[in-house]
């Protein structure tokens, strides 16, 4: 209900210095960055023979993947118009498969909150939730500042990322012999593998 008023307020107080910061945070929230950071944590844990770090990286990878899959499905199903001056916040075209109609939810924000949720739950450092969720919130704010998303898009993206993180961490706590990986499937390409050891 407040998306249009909030957008007008943000655009009215637009600052070029904030645009530069938003561009940098946009890279941080990109799904490829989230998957890359997760894979790096996973690899570092394997290389250092640190099972806890490797499992944290694996959980982060799975949470980002799950969050992005759910986000993509919702984007297509809802088909919300991205902010612009021609249409309002109530413009929808479900299943249009158009880049102009994939605003809800924010995938960058979902990615950032997926990572933040896993890292906060797995870290023993008291400052980690403050840093992780602070950075995730900045990613969401940057998506609003750059006029790529409505405020409600960012809020739903944050919720989806947080739910993905909680689901993955809880699942791993209850199923310690579960394994998820992306890798080659035969000689023709790549795919996803899920394995269960008993």
Protein backbone atom coordinates (compact mmCIF):
# COMPACT_ATOMS: atom_id res chain seq x y z
CA UNK A 1 0.00 0.00 0.00
CA UNK A 2 2.90 2.36 0.68
CA UNK A 3 5.22 1.34 -2.17
CA UNK A 4 4.53 4.31 -4.43
CA UNK A 5 4.84 6.91 -1.67
CA UNK A 6 8.08 5.38 -0.42
CA UNK A 7 9.48 5.23 -3.94
CA UNK A 8 8.69 8.90 -4.52
CA UNK A 9 10.40 9.82 -1.26
CA UNK A 10 13.54 7.84 -2.10
CA UNK A 11 13.74 9.25 -5.64
CA UNK A 12 13.11 12.81 -4.41
CA UNK A 13 16.09 12.55 -2.06
CA UNK A 14 18.27 10.79 -4.62
CA UNK A 15 22.03 11.33 -4.27
CA UNK A 16 24.65 10.33 -6.84
CA UNK A 17 27.00 9.13 -4.07
CA UNK A 18 24.31 6.71 -2.88
CA UNK A 19 23.89 5.46 -6.45
CA UNK A 20 27.57 4.50 -6.55
CA UNK A 21 27.26 2.66 -3.25
CA UNK A 22 24.10 0.93 -4.50
CA UNK A 23 25.97 -0.29 -7.59
CA UNK A 24 28.66 -1.88 -5.41
CA UNK A 25 26.10 -3.55 -3.16
CA UNK A 26 24.29 -4.81 -6.26
CA UNK A 27 27.34 -6.96 -7.04
CA UNK A 28 27.43 -8.24 -3.47
CA UNK A 29 23.80 -9.35 -3.67
CA UNK A 30 24.06 -11.04 -7.07
CA UNK A 31 23.22 -14.76 -6.95
CA UNK A 32 26.52 -15.65 -8.65
CA UNK A 33 28.37 -13.87 -5.83
CA UNK A 34 26.35 -15.77 -3.21
CA UNK A 35 26.98 -19.13 -4.84
CA UNK A 36 30.66 -18.26 -5.33
CA UNK A 37 31.18 -17.20 -1.70
CA UNK A 38 29.39 -20.33 -0.51
CA UNK A 39 31.52 -22.56 -2.74
CA UNK A 40 34.67 -20.77 -1.52
CA UNK A 41 33.71 -21.46 2.11
CA UNK A 42 32.96 -25.06 1.25
CA UNK A 43 36.26 -25.46 -0.58
CA UNK A 44 38.23 -23.76 2.20
CA UNK A 45 36.72 -26.15 4.72
CA UNK A 46 37.63 -29.17 2.60
CA UNK A 47 41.17 -27.85 1.98
CA UNK A 48 41.76 -27.11 5.68
CA UNK A 49 40.08 -30.38 6.68
CA UNK A 50 37.63 -28.33 8.76
CA UNK A 51 34.37 -30.27 8.58
CA UNK A 52 32.38 -27.54 10.32
CA UNK A 53 33.49 -24.85 7.85
CA UNK A 54 32.88 -27.17 4.89
CA UNK A 55 29.39 -27.96 6.13
CA UNK A 56 28.71 -24.23 6.64
CA UNK A 57 29.72 -23.56 3.04
CA UNK A 58 27.54 -26.42 1.86
CA UNK A 59 24.57 -25.08 3.83
CA UNK A 60 25.12 -21.57 2.47
CA UNK A 61 25.27 -22.93 -1.09
CA UNK A 62 22.05 -24.88 -0.60
CA UNK A 63 20.26 -21.92 1.03
CA UNK A 64 21.22 -19.56 -1.79
CA UNK A 65 20.19 -22.15 -4.38
CA UNK A 66 16.87 -22.83 -2.65
CA UNK A 67 16.17 -19.13 -2.15
CA UNK A 68 16.90 -18.34 -5.80
CA UNK A 69 14.76 -21.22 -7.07
CA UNK A 70 11.80 -20.09 -4.95
CA UNK A 71 12.36 -16.47 -5.95
CA UNK A 72 12.42 -17.31 -9.65
CA UNK A 73 9.21 -19.33 -9.37
CA UNK A 74 7.44 -16.50 -7.55
CA UNK A 75 8.76 -13.86 -9.97
CA UNK A 76 7.27 -15.72 -12.92
CA UNK A 77 4.03 -16.59 -11.15
CA UNK A 78 3.37 -13.08 -9.83
CA UNK A 79 4.72 -11.03 -12.76
CA UNK A 80 4.96 -7.70 -10.96
CA UNK A 81 6.08 -4.64 -12.93
CA UNK A 82 9.38 -3.11 -11.92
CA UNK A 83 9.22 0.52 -10.77
CA UNK A 84 8.88 3.08 -13.55
CA UNK A 85 6.90 6.22 -14.29
CA UNK A 86 4.41 4.66 -16.72
CA UNK A 87 2.75 2.14 -14.41
CA UNK A 88 2.03 1.90 -10.70
CA UNK A 89 2.84 -0.64 -7.99
CA UNK A 90 -0.33 -2.60 -8.77
CA UNK A 91 0.68 -3.57 -12.30
CA UNK A 92 0.95 -7.38 -12.72
CA UNK A 93 1.26 -9.79 -15.66
CA UNK A 94 1.59 -13.31 -14.26
CA UNK A 95 3.53 -15.81 -16.40
CA UNK A 96 4.60 -13.13 -18.90
CA UNK A 97 8.30 -14.21 -18.69
CA UNK A 98 9.33 -10.58 -19.20
CA UNK A 99 12.28 -8.92 -17.45
CA UNK A 100 10.06 -5.88 -16.89
CA UNK A 101 7.57 -8.01 -14.96
CA UNK A 102 9.79 -9.89 -12.51
CA UNK A 103 10.01 -7.45 -9.63
CA UNK A 104 8.46 -9.46 -6.79
CA UNK A 105 10.43 -10.67 -4.88
CA UNK A 106 13.95 -9.20 -4.96
CA UNK A 107 16.37 -12.01 -5.83
CA UNK A 108 19.41 -10.02 -4.69
CA UNK A 109 17.84 -9.49 -1.28
CA UNK A 110 16.82 -13.14 -0.99
CA UNK A 111 20.38 -14.16 -1.82
CA UNK A 112 21.88 -11.80 0.77
CA UNK A 113 19.51 -12.95 3.51
CA UNK A 114 20.07 -16.64 2.66
CA UNK A 115 23.79 -16.15 3.27
CA UNK A 116 23.24 -14.01 6.35
CA UNK A 117 20.86 -16.55 7.86
CA UNK A 118 23.27 -19.47 7.49
CA UNK A 119 26.38 -17.57 8.59
CA UNK A 120 24.60 -16.12 11.63
CA UNK A 121 23.40 -19.53 12.78
CA UNK A 122 26.70 -21.29 12.17
CA UNK A 123 29.17 -18.72 13.49
CA UNK A 124 30.24 -18.70 17.10
CA UNK A 125 31.13 -15.00 16.89
CA UNK A 126 28.64 -12.69 18.60
CA UNK A 127 29.21 -9.98 15.97
CA UNK A 128 28.41 -12.18 12.97
CA UNK A 129 24.60 -11.68 12.95
CA UNK A 130 25.08 -7.90 13.16
CA UNK A 131 27.51 -7.85 10.24
CA UNK A 132 25.72 -10.46 8.10
CA UNK A 133 22.22 -9.05 8.50
CA UNK A 134 23.53 -5.49 8.29
CA UNK A 135 25.12 -6.19 4.91
CA UNK A 136 22.00 -8.05 3.74
CA UNK A 137 19.85 -5.07 4.73
CA UNK A 138 22.15 -2.73 2.82
CA UNK A 139 21.76 -4.91 -0.27
CA UNK A 140 17.98 -4.59 0.05
CA UNK A 141 18.21 -0.82 0.54
CA UNK A 142 20.45 -0.58 -2.53
CA UNK A 143 17.80 -2.32 -4.66
CA UNK A 144 15.31 0.37 -3.60
CA UNK A 145 17.83 3.20 -4.05
CA UNK A 146 18.68 2.07 -7.58
CA UNK A 147 14.93 1.94 -8.36
CA UNK A 148 15.07 -1.73 -9.34
CA UNK A 149 12.47 -2.83 -6.77
CA UNK A 150 9.55 -1.67 -4.70
CA UNK A 151 9.97 -1.77 -0.92
CA UNK A 152 7.56 -4.72 -0.63
CA UNK A 153 9.67 -6.66 -3.19
CA UNK A 154 12.67 -6.28 -0.89
CA UNK A 155 10.73 -7.28 2.22
CA UNK A 156 9.39 -10.44 0.56
CA UNK A 157 12.88 -11.25 -0.77
CA UNK A 158 14.34 -10.89 2.73
CA UNK A 159 11.66 -13.19 4.13
CA UNK A 160 12.29 -15.81 1.44
CA UNK A 161 16.05 -15.74 2.01
CA UNK A 162 15.62 -16.06 5.77
CA UNK A 163 13.19 -18.97 5.36
CA UNK A 164 15.57 -20.74 2.96
CA UNK A 165 18.42 -20.40 5.47
CA UNK A 166 16.31 -21.67 8.37
CA UNK A 167 15.03 -24.65 6.37
CA UNK A 168 18.49 -25.70 5.22
CA UNK A 169 20.14 -25.36 8.65
CA UNK A 170 17.31 -27.22 10.36
CA UNK A 171 17.34 -29.95 7.72
CA UNK A 172 21.11 -30.48 8.16
CA UNK A 173 20.77 -30.61 11.92
CA UNK A 174 18.24 -33.42 11.59
CA UNK A 175 19.85 -35.26 8.64
CA UNK A 176 23.61 -35.32 9.08
CA UNK A 177 24.23 -37.81 6.24
CA UNK A 178 22.61 -35.71 3.52
CA UNK A 179 24.74 -34.39 0.66
CA UNK A 180 23.88 -31.97 -2.16
CA UNK A 181 26.21 -31.06 -5.00
CA UNK A 182 26.37 -29.60 -8.48
CA UNK A 183 28.59 -31.42 -10.90
CA UNK A 184 28.99 -33.32 -14.16
CA UNK A 185 26.27 -35.76 -15.10
CA UNK A 186 27.62 -37.96 -17.84
CA UNK A 187 29.57 -36.60 -20.77
CA UNK A 188 27.01 -34.09 -22.08
CA UNK A 189 26.85 -31.43 -19.37
CA UNK A 190 26.23 -30.50 -15.77
CA UNK A 191 23.39 -31.16 -13.42
CA UNK A 192 22.44 -31.50 -9.78
CA UNK A 193 23.05 -34.50 -7.58
CA UNK A 194 21.47 -35.33 -4.26
CA UNK A 195 22.94 -38.21 -2.29
CA UNK A 196 22.01 -39.81 0.98
CA UNK A 197 24.49 -41.96 2.89
CA UNK A 198 23.51 -44.62 5.44
